[in-house]
Amino acid sequence: MRMLELIVKKRDGQHLTKEELSFWIDGYVKGEIPDYQVSALLMAIYYQGMSDEELGNLTMLMARSGDMADLSPIQGCKVDKHSTGGVGDKTTLIIGPMVAACGVKVAKMSGRGLGFTGGTIDKLEAIPGFQTNLDRDTFFEIVNQHGISVAGQSGNLVPADKKLYALRDVTGTVESIPLIASSIMSKKLASGSDAILLDVKTGSGAFMKNLEDAVALAKKMTAIGRHVGRKVSAMITNMDEPLGNAIGNTLEIIEAIETLNGHGPKDLTELCIDLAAEMLVLAEKGTRDECRELAKDSLYSGKALKKWKEMVAAQGGDPDLIDYPQRFQKASAEKTVTAPQEGYISHMDAEGCGITASLLGAGREKKEDSIDYTAGIVLSAKCGDFVKKGDPIATLYTSDPKRIAEAEKKLLDSLTFSANPPEKLPMVYQWITY
């Protein structure tokens, strides 16, 4: 078998067999197949696509290219949730405890943020003392005892994806839906959960900017799950403006605490109830309506907040901060941004808001960059709100006052005003289940 044959076969729109895909992935991980040939195959896939069978085989080969997490020491059904990334998306911090409070295990391995999207691990590390680098036995013990643990990805998980993603990034093939689907699902399958909920974002702050592409990606990923015998469902959710009001690590932790206390922003609260309910459906806790009631009860009864405090304490964090969030470290500089004109905020570009937070120090452009945990934005007005000229619309926070001017300009450039209120968009566009 030769790599050239695979390139020509896919270039001409033919399907690759499991053996051919295995030859490619194994050879590339071992360094036996050069980047230039893999680049050619990636471009052929970009234009010709992949069948569900091809994609399922490719994804499992990628998942098995390194370590596969064995979660069998954790008792009961394990359900995971993956978001395709967004601005102000702190849902894992809220729905994990909600689901765990309903008796379903959440053993989650999360990543760090890069660019304008925040990472769950960065947010959790804003809690003083919180440990995300857990050994296997400690991780299992916390999940078995408390029902939930969120830790950083460790070990040699999916080396094929690491190599392929780096190559896609420099060959113009990042946007390929089959390649995105295999990248996401290989990591999720290697992480070992019994069932997976995919939160596929669409809008200005999402990787998939339009609904059609988001639906196509969700269908590909659920098809992969079906092909390999895993329970997978997807929700297409709105990321056309930031989720909630807070953007930035400590600020999002505080907003998550407010939400777990039953006082969170409406958009964030409603989405968390929907996401938690769908995870409970996957765990066979009842119908969607029944699971919504379970999710709401876990939130408003205080059970989810109690579970959150248990996890924070078990992973070395200070649980008193959950009761007294005003004790979190604060940014040394802040600036109130006011409306430059009167009117309705008709659009709030989520990506622009995410970049604003990064300019303040809340994000990183390169993996080795350090972040300012106190930096970020708290929005006081969002889409649909009417403001007068000079009304406050946001507060910027940073440890470096020199960052404020550029960030303020970027935030204002991200806003559109109009004389009439904008159309109200749903938080959840579509459910995709198999």
Protein backbone atom coordinates (compact mmCIF):
# COMPACT_ATOMS: atom_id res chain seq x y z
CA MET A 1 0.00 0.00 0.00
CA ARG A 2 1.30 3.47 -0.89
CA MET A 3 0.20 6.86 0.37
CA LEU A 4 0.03 8.16 -3.20
CA GLU A 5 -2.70 5.64 -3.98
CA LEU A 6 -4.82 6.91 -1.09
CA ILE A 7 -4.38 10.53 -2.18
CA VAL A 8 -5.45 9.78 -5.76
CA LYS A 9 -8.36 7.61 -4.60
CA LYS A 10 -9.79 10.34 -2.36
CA ARG A 11 -9.01 13.05 -4.93
CA ASP A 12 -11.26 11.17 -7.34
CA GLY A 13 -14.10 10.95 -4.80
CA GLN A 14 -13.74 7.30 -3.80
CA HIS A 15 -14.09 5.92 -0.28
CA LEU A 16 -11.09 4.85 1.76
CA THR A 17 -11.26 1.49 3.53
CA LYS A 18 -10.54 1.00 7.23
CA GLU A 19 -7.23 -0.65 6.29
CA GLU A 20 -6.23 2.31 4.12
CA LEU A 21 -7.15 4.81 6.85
CA SER A 22 -5.19 2.74 9.37
CA PHE A 23 -2.14 2.76 7.06
CA TRP A 24 -2.35 6.58 6.90
CA ILE A 25 -2.90 7.30 10.63
CA ASP A 26 -0.43 4.72 11.95
CA GLY A 27 2.23 5.74 9.47
CA TYR A 28 1.82 9.44 10.15
CA VAL A 29 1.94 9.09 13.95
CA LYS A 30 5.11 6.98 13.63
CA GLY A 31 6.70 9.59 11.35
CA GLU A 32 6.83 7.26 8.35
CA ILE A 33 4.57 9.40 6.12
CA PRO A 34 5.71 12.97 5.32
CA ASP A 35 3.66 16.10 5.97
CA TYR A 36 3.41 16.97 2.29
CA GLN A 37 1.58 13.74 1.45
CA VAL A 38 -0.77 14.07 4.44
CA SER A 39 -1.43 17.69 3.40
CA ALA A 40 -2.47 16.49 -0.03
CA LEU A 41 -4.85 13.92 1.47
CA LEU A 42 -6.34 16.51 3.84
CA MET A 43 -7.03 18.83 0.91
CA ALA A 44 -8.66 15.95 -1.01
CA ILE A 45 -10.90 15.29 2.01
CA TYR A 46 -11.68 19.02 2.22
CA TYR A 47 -13.09 18.95 -1.33
CA GLN A 48 -14.50 15.42 -1.53
CA GLY A 49 -15.78 14.91 2.02
CA MET A 50 -16.11 11.53 3.76
CA SER A 51 -18.91 9.00 4.19
CA ASP A 52 -20.23 8.23 7.67
CA GLU A 53 -18.44 4.88 7.59
CA GLU A 54 -15.13 6.47 6.58
CA LEU A 55 -15.52 9.12 9.25
CA GLY A 56 -16.37 6.61 11.96
CA ASN A 57 -13.34 4.50 11.10
CA LEU A 58 -11.04 7.52 10.91
CA THR A 59 -12.23 8.85 14.25
CA MET A 60 -11.71 5.58 16.11
CA LEU A 61 -8.26 5.14 14.58
CA MET A 62 -7.36 8.63 15.77
CA ALA A 63 -8.82 7.95 19.23
CA ARG A 64 -6.78 4.74 19.50
CA SER A 65 -3.56 6.38 18.31
CA GLY A 66 -2.62 7.00 21.95
CA ASP A 67 -4.01 6.33 25.41
CA MET A 68 -7.69 5.46 25.81
CA ALA A 69 -9.18 6.45 29.17
CA ASP A 70 -10.72 3.53 31.04
CA LEU A 71 -13.45 4.93 33.30
CA SER A 72 -14.69 1.51 34.43
CA PRO A 73 -13.54 2.13 38.04
CA ILE A 74 -16.19 4.88 38.18
CA GLN A 75 -19.55 3.45 39.19
CA GLY A 76 -22.67 4.14 37.13
CA CYS A 77 -23.34 5.97 33.88
CA LYS A 78 -20.77 8.61 32.89
CA VAL A 79 -22.02 11.51 30.72
CA ASP A 80 -19.78 14.14 29.14
CA LYS A 81 -20.56 17.45 27.45
CA HIS A 82 -18.45 19.13 24.77
CA SER A 83 -18.89 22.68 23.53
CA THR A 84 -17.43 23.77 20.21
CA GLY A 85 -16.35 26.99 21.93
CA GLY A 86 -17.80 30.40 22.56
CA VAL A 87 -17.51 33.67 24.43
CA GLY A 88 -18.68 33.73 28.04
CA ASP A 89 -19.45 30.00 27.86
CA LYS A 90 -19.15 28.87 31.46
CA THR A 91 -21.86 26.20 31.20
CA THR A 92 -19.62 23.30 32.31
CA LEU A 93 -19.15 25.00 35.67
CA ILE A 94 -22.94 24.99 36.17
CA ILE A 95 -24.36 21.95 34.42
CA GLY A 96 -21.72 19.55 35.76
CA PRO A 97 -22.88 20.05 39.37
CA MET A 98 -26.53 20.09 38.26
CA VAL A 99 -26.20 16.70 36.57
CA ALA A 100 -24.11 15.23 39.38
CA ALA A 101 -26.74 16.36 41.90
CA CYS A 102 -29.23 14.22 39.95
CA GLY A 103 -27.13 11.09 40.45
CA VAL A 104 -25.29 10.97 37.11
CA LYS A 105 -21.49 10.82 37.09
CA VAL A 106 -19.58 13.62 35.33
CA ALA A 107 -15.93 12.68 34.77
CA LYS A 108 -14.77 15.52 32.56
CA MET A 109 -11.41 16.27 31.01
CA SER A 110 -11.26 19.83 29.68
CA GLY A 111 -8.79 22.08 27.91
CA ARG A 112 -7.41 25.58 28.06
CA GLY A 113 -8.50 28.58 26.06
CA LEU A 114 -6.76 29.91 22.97
CA GLY A 115 -7.57 33.08 21.07
CA PHE A 116 -10.95 34.64 21.83
CA THR A 117 -12.60 31.56 23.40
CA GLY A 118 -12.05 30.77 27.06
CA GLY A 119 -11.07 27.37 28.43
CA THR A 120 -12.73 25.63 31.38
CA ILE A 121 -9.40 24.72 32.97
CA ASP A 122 -8.26 28.36 32.94
CA LYS A 123 -11.49 29.37 34.65
CA LEU A 124 -11.18 26.72 37.34
CA GLU A 125 -7.58 27.69 38.04
CA ALA A 126 -8.84 31.18 38.90
CA ILE A 127 -10.02 29.54 42.16
CA PRO A 128 -7.04 29.72 44.55
CA GLY A 129 -5.62 26.26 45.24
CA PHE A 130 -7.84 24.43 42.74
CA GLN A 131 -5.95 21.49 41.22
CA THR A 132 -6.68 20.46 37.63
CA ASN A 133 -3.65 18.19 37.21
CA LEU A 134 -5.01 15.06 38.92
CA ASP A 135 -3.59 11.56 38.82
CA ARG A 136 -5.89 8.80 37.62
CA ASP A 137 -6.75 7.34 41.05
CA THR A 138 -7.52 10.74 42.59
CA PHE A 139 -9.75 11.64 39.64
CA PHE A 140 -11.70 8.39 39.99
CA GLU A 141 -11.98 8.76 43.76
CA ILE A 142 -13.43 12.28 43.51
CA VAL A 143 -15.99 11.24 40.88
CA ASN A 144 -17.06 8.16 42.86
CA GLN A 145 -17.38 10.13 46.09
CA HIS A 146 -18.87 13.40 44.85
CA GLY A 147 -20.24 12.53 41.41
CA ILE A 148 -18.12 15.04 39.53
CA SER A 149 -14.56 16.05 38.77
CA VAL A 150 -13.20 18.36 36.07
CA ALA A 151 -9.52 17.91 35.31
CA GLY A 152 -7.03 18.85 32.63
CA GLN A 153 -6.30 16.45 29.80
CA SER A 154 -3.34 14.25 30.68
CA GLY A 155 -1.36 11.39 29.20
CA ASN A 156 -0.87 10.67 25.53
CA LEU A 157 -4.46 11.25 24.39
CA VAL A 158 -5.04 11.29 20.61
CA PRO A 159 -1.55 12.13 19.29
CA ALA A 160 -2.88 11.74 15.75
CA ASP A 161 -5.20 14.69 16.28
CA LYS A 162 -2.41 16.86 17.66
CA LYS A 163 -0.30 16.23 14.55
CA LEU A 164 -3.19 16.56 12.10
CA TYR A 165 -4.55 19.75 13.67
CA ALA A 166 -1.16 21.46 13.49
CA LEU A 167 -0.97 20.53 9.80
CA ARG A 168 -4.56 21.60 9.06
CA ASP A 169 -3.82 24.96 10.64
CA VAL A 170 -1.18 25.75 8.01
CA THR A 171 -2.75 24.10 4.95
CA GLY A 172 -6.15 25.82 4.76
CA THR A 173 -8.11 22.71 5.81
CA VAL A 174 -9.26 23.71 9.31
CA GLU A 175 -12.80 24.41 8.08
CA SER A 176 -13.44 20.91 6.73
CA ILE A 177 -16.51 19.59 8.56
CA PRO A 178 -15.40 15.91 8.45
CA LEU A 179 -11.98 16.87 9.82
CA ILE A 180 -13.51 19.05 12.56
CA ALA A 181 -15.89 16.22 13.48
CA SER A 182 -13.14 13.60 13.68
CA SER A 183 -10.92 15.94 15.71
CA ILE A 184 -13.59 16.64 18.32
CA MET A 185 -15.02 13.13 18.51
CA SER A 186 -11.65 11.36 18.67
CA LYS A 187 -10.86 13.26 21.88
CA LYS A 188 -14.32 12.62 23.32
CA LEU A 189 -14.23 8.90 22.52
CA ALA A 190 -10.73 8.57 23.97
CA SER A 191 -11.96 10.22 27.17
CA GLY A 192 -14.13 7.21 27.90
CA SER A 193 -17.62 8.47 28.85
CA ASP A 194 -20.67 6.31 28.13
CA ALA A 195 -22.67 9.14 26.58
CA ILE A 196 -21.75 12.51 25.09
CA LEU A 197 -23.75 15.71 24.62
CA LEU A 198 -22.41 18.07 21.96
CA ASP A 199 -23.13 21.76 22.35
CA VAL A 200 -22.55 23.01 18.80
CA LYS A 201 -22.39 26.80 18.79
CA THR A 202 -23.39 28.97 15.83
CA GLY A 203 -23.16 32.73 15.32
CA SER A 204 -20.60 35.51 15.39
CA GLY A 205 -18.74 34.10 18.39
CA ALA A 206 -18.67 30.51 17.18
CA PHE A 207 -16.39 28.60 14.84
CA MET A 208 -19.45 27.67 12.75
CA LYS A 209 -20.79 31.09 11.78
CA ASN A 210 -24.01 29.91 10.14
CA LEU A 211 -26.74 27.50 11.20
CA GLU A 212 -26.42 25.27 8.12
CA ASP A 213 -22.77 24.46 8.84
CA ALA A 214 -23.47 23.92 12.55
CA VAL A 215 -26.23 21.43 11.75
CA ALA A 216 -23.98 19.63 9.25
CA LEU A 217 -21.20 19.34 11.85
CA ALA A 218 -23.62 18.10 14.54
CA LYS A 219 -25.01 15.44 12.22
CA LYS A 220 -21.54 14.23 11.31
CA MET A 221 -20.53 13.95 14.98
CA THR A 222 -23.70 12.15 16.06
CA ALA A 223 -23.25 9.80 13.09
CA ILE A 224 -19.75 8.98 14.35
CA GLY A 225 -21.21 8.18 17.76
CA ARG A 226 -23.80 5.89 16.23
CA HIS A 227 -21.16 4.15 14.09
CA VAL A 228 -19.00 3.30 17.11
CA GLY A 229 -21.87 2.39 19.45
CA ARG A 230 -21.79 5.44 21.76
CA LYS A 231 -24.83 7.43 22.82
CA VAL A 232 -24.37 10.90 21.34
CA SER A 233 -26.80 13.77 20.88
CA ALA A 234 -26.29 17.40 19.91
CA MET A 235 -27.85 20.78 20.54
CA ILE A 236 -27.35 23.70 18.16
CA THR A 237 -27.11 26.78 20.37
CA ASN A 238 -26.84 30.51 19.88
CA MET A 239 -23.45 32.21 20.11
CA ASP A 240 -24.32 35.38 18.22
CA GLU A 241 -23.67 37.37 21.38
CA PRO A 242 -21.74 36.50 24.56
CA LEU A 243 -23.40 33.99 26.88
CA GLY A 244 -24.34 35.62 30.16
CA ASN A 245 -22.81 38.95 31.18
CA ALA A 246 -19.29 38.01 32.29
CA ILE A 247 -16.31 37.31 30.01
CA GLY A 248 -13.01 36.42 31.68
CA ASN A 249 -11.86 33.74 34.09
CA THR A 250 -12.56 34.99 37.63
CA LEU A 251 -15.54 37.00 36.41
CA GLU A 252 -17.07 33.87 34.86
CA ILE A 253 -16.48 31.84 38.01
CA ILE A 254 -18.37 34.49 40.00
CA GLU A 255 -21.23 34.47 37.47
CA ALA A 256 -21.37 30.66 37.63
CA ILE A 257 -21.70 30.91 41.43
CA GLU A 258 -24.51 33.47 41.03
CA THR A 259 -26.26 31.14 38.60
CA LEU A 260 -25.92 28.15 40.95
CA ASN A 261 -27.50 30.39 43.61
CA GLY A 262 -30.47 30.88 41.29
CA HIS A 263 -29.61 34.48 40.38
CA GLY A 264 -27.82 34.08 37.05
CA PRO A 265 -28.56 35.85 33.76
CA LYS A 266 -31.67 34.53 32.05
CA ASP A 267 -29.95 33.36 28.84
CA LEU A 268 -27.25 31.46 30.73
CA THR A 269 -29.69 29.91 33.19
CA GLU A 270 -32.11 28.71 30.53
CA LEU A 271 -29.36 27.20 28.40
CA CYS A 272 -27.87 25.40 31.40
CA ILE A 273 -31.25 23.88 32.23
CA ASP A 274 -31.63 22.67 28.64
CA LEU A 275 -28.09 21.24 28.50
CA ALA A 276 -28.35 19.53 31.88
CA ALA A 277 -31.73 18.07 30.93
CA GLU A 278 -30.30 16.59 27.72
CA MET A 279 -27.42 15.02 29.65
CA LEU A 280 -29.97 13.44 32.00
CA VAL A 281 -31.92 12.14 28.98
CA LEU A 282 -28.74 10.47 27.74
CA ALA A 283 -28.36 8.90 31.18
CA GLU A 284 -31.93 7.57 30.84
CA LYS A 285 -33.29 9.55 33.77
CA GLY A 286 -36.60 10.20 31.99
CA THR A 287 -38.21 12.10 29.13
CA ARG A 288 -36.90 15.53 28.14
CA ASP A 289 -39.72 17.24 30.08
CA GLU A 290 -39.09 15.07 33.14
CA CYS A 291 -35.38 15.74 32.94
CA ARG A 292 -35.96 19.49 32.67
CA GLU A 293 -37.82 19.35 35.98
CA LEU A 294 -34.99 17.34 37.54
CA ALA A 295 -32.45 19.88 36.26
CA LYS A 296 -34.47 22.84 37.53
CA ASP A 297 -34.89 21.23 40.94
CA SER A 298 -31.16 20.57 41.25
CA LEU A 299 -30.49 24.25 40.46
CA TYR A 300 -33.15 26.01 42.51
CA SER A 301 -33.06 23.68 45.52
CA GLY A 302 -29.38 24.39 46.14
CA LYS A 303 -28.33 20.77 45.50
CA ALA A 304 -26.14 21.74 42.52
CA LEU A 305 -24.42 24.50 44.52
CA LYS A 306 -23.68 21.99 47.30
CA LYS A 307 -22.21 19.59 44.74
CA TRP A 308 -20.08 22.41 43.27
CA LYS A 309 -18.65 23.22 46.71
CA GLU A 310 -17.85 19.55 47.28
CA MET A 311 -15.90 19.36 44.02
CA VAL A 312 -14.01 22.60 44.69
CA ALA A 313 -12.95 21.39 48.15
CA ALA A 314 -12.02 17.91 46.87
CA GLN A 315 -9.72 19.44 44.23
CA GLY A 316 -7.94 21.73 46.68
CA GLY A 317 -9.87 24.95 46.08
CA ASP A 318 -11.18 27.28 48.78
CA PRO A 319 -14.89 26.44 49.22
CA ASP A 320 -15.46 29.59 51.31
CA LEU A 321 -15.09 31.63 48.13
CA ILE A 322 -18.28 30.00 46.86
CA ASP A 323 -20.15 31.56 49.80
CA TYR A 324 -18.23 34.83 49.64
CA PRO A 325 -17.31 35.47 45.97
CA GLN A 326 -16.51 39.08 46.81
CA ARG A 327 -13.27 37.71 48.28
CA PHE A 328 -11.91 36.74 44.86
CA GLN A 329 -8.94 38.82 43.76
CA LYS A 330 -10.01 41.92 41.86
CA ALA A 331 -8.40 43.65 38.92
CA SER A 332 -6.34 46.70 39.83
CA ALA A 333 -7.81 48.82 37.01
CA GLU A 334 -11.32 49.15 35.61
CA LYS A 335 -13.16 51.36 33.16
CA THR A 336 -16.87 51.88 32.53
CA VAL A 337 -17.72 51.99 28.83
CA THR A 338 -20.72 54.13 27.90
CA ALA A 339 -23.02 54.14 24.90
CA PRO A 340 -21.80 56.49 22.14
CA GLN A 341 -25.36 57.07 20.92
CA GLU A 342 -29.00 56.46 21.71
CA GLY A 343 -30.80 53.40 20.38
CA TYR A 344 -31.31 49.68 20.70
CA ILE A 345 -28.27 47.43 20.72
CA SER A 346 -29.17 45.46 17.60
CA HIS A 347 -26.04 43.30 17.42
CA MET A 348 -23.18 42.49 19.76
CA ASP A 349 -20.43 40.69 17.87
CA ALA A 350 -19.44 37.89 20.23
CA GLU A 351 -16.04 37.31 18.66
CA GLY A 352 -15.25 41.02 19.01
CA CYS A 353 -16.22 40.88 22.68
CA GLY A 354 -13.98 37.84 23.15
CA ILE A 355 -11.08 39.65 21.51
CA THR A 356 -11.75 42.62 23.80
CA ALA A 357 -11.36 40.36 26.84
CA SER A 358 -8.13 38.96 25.38
CA LEU A 359 -6.80 42.48 24.84
CA LEU A 360 -7.40 43.11 28.54
CA GLY A 361 -5.28 40.04 29.36
CA ALA A 362 -7.98 37.39 29.87
CA GLY A 363 -6.91 35.18 26.95
CA ARG A 364 -3.84 33.93 25.17
CA GLU A 365 -2.77 33.96 21.54
CA LYS A 366 -0.11 31.26 21.99
CA LYS A 367 -0.34 28.26 24.32
CA GLU A 368 2.65 29.42 26.34
CA ASP A 369 1.17 32.89 27.03
CA SER A 370 0.24 33.73 30.63
CA ILE A 371 -3.20 35.10 31.43
CA ASP A 372 -4.55 37.66 33.88
CA TYR A 373 -7.26 35.80 35.81
CA THR A 374 -8.86 39.05 36.97
CA ALA A 375 -9.17 40.54 33.48
CA GLY A 376 -12.34 40.64 31.43
CA ILE A 377 -15.67 42.33 30.85
CA VAL A 378 -19.00 42.53 32.65
CA LEU A 379 -21.75 43.60 30.29
CA SER A 380 -24.52 45.81 31.65
CA ALA A 381 -26.47 45.93 28.35
CA LYS A 382 -26.98 43.32 25.63
CA CYS A 383 -28.86 42.83 22.37
CA GLY A 384 -32.37 44.23 22.51
CA ASP A 385 -31.64 46.69 25.31
CA PHE A 386 -32.40 50.39 24.72
CA VAL A 387 -29.68 52.78 25.86
CA LYS A 388 -29.28 56.53 25.92
CA LYS A 389 -26.03 58.22 24.99
CA GLY A 390 -23.74 58.02 28.01
CA ASP A 391 -25.48 55.05 29.62
CA PRO A 392 -23.09 52.37 30.94
CA ILE A 393 -22.93 49.30 28.70
CA ALA A 394 -19.94 47.42 30.13
CA THR A 395 -17.12 47.52 32.65
CA LEU A 396 -13.60 46.53 31.61
CA TYR A 397 -11.21 44.94 34.12
CA THR A 398 -7.44 44.46 33.84
CA SER A 399 -4.19 44.51 35.83
CA ASP A 400 -2.57 46.64 33.12
CA PRO A 401 -4.22 50.06 32.59
CA LYS A 402 -2.36 50.49 29.28
CA ARG A 403 -4.58 47.79 27.78
CA ILE A 404 -7.84 49.67 28.35
CA ALA A 405 -7.88 52.13 25.44
CA GLU A 406 -7.47 49.51 22.70
CA ALA A 407 -9.93 47.17 24.41
CA GLU A 408 -12.57 49.90 24.76
CA LYS A 409 -12.29 50.72 21.06
CA LYS A 410 -12.62 47.05 20.12
CA LEU A 411 -15.71 46.62 22.29
CA LEU A 412 -17.44 49.67 20.82
CA ASP A 413 -16.56 48.50 17.31
CA SER A 414 -18.32 45.22 18.17
CA LEU A 415 -21.67 46.92 18.83
CA THR A 416 -24.36 47.94 16.37
CA PHE A 417 -27.15 50.35 17.30
CA SER A 418 -30.52 50.86 15.60
CA ALA A 419 -33.74 52.80 16.06
CA ASN A 420 -35.81 49.62 16.27
CA PRO A 421 -35.43 46.56 18.53
CA PRO A 422 -33.79 43.54 16.88
CA GLU A 423 -35.45 40.18 16.31
CA LYS A 424 -35.19 37.95 19.37
CA LEU A 425 -33.12 34.84 18.55
CA PRO A 426 -33.65 31.52 20.37
CA MET A 427 -30.99 30.10 22.67
CA VAL A 428 -31.46 26.59 21.25
CA TYR A 429 -32.05 26.28 17.51
CA GLN A 430 -32.28 22.52 17.17
CA TRP A 431 -31.84 19.15 18.89
CA ILE A 432 -30.15 16.38 16.91
CA THR A 433 -30.47 12.88 18.33
CA TYR A 434 -30.06 9.35 17.00
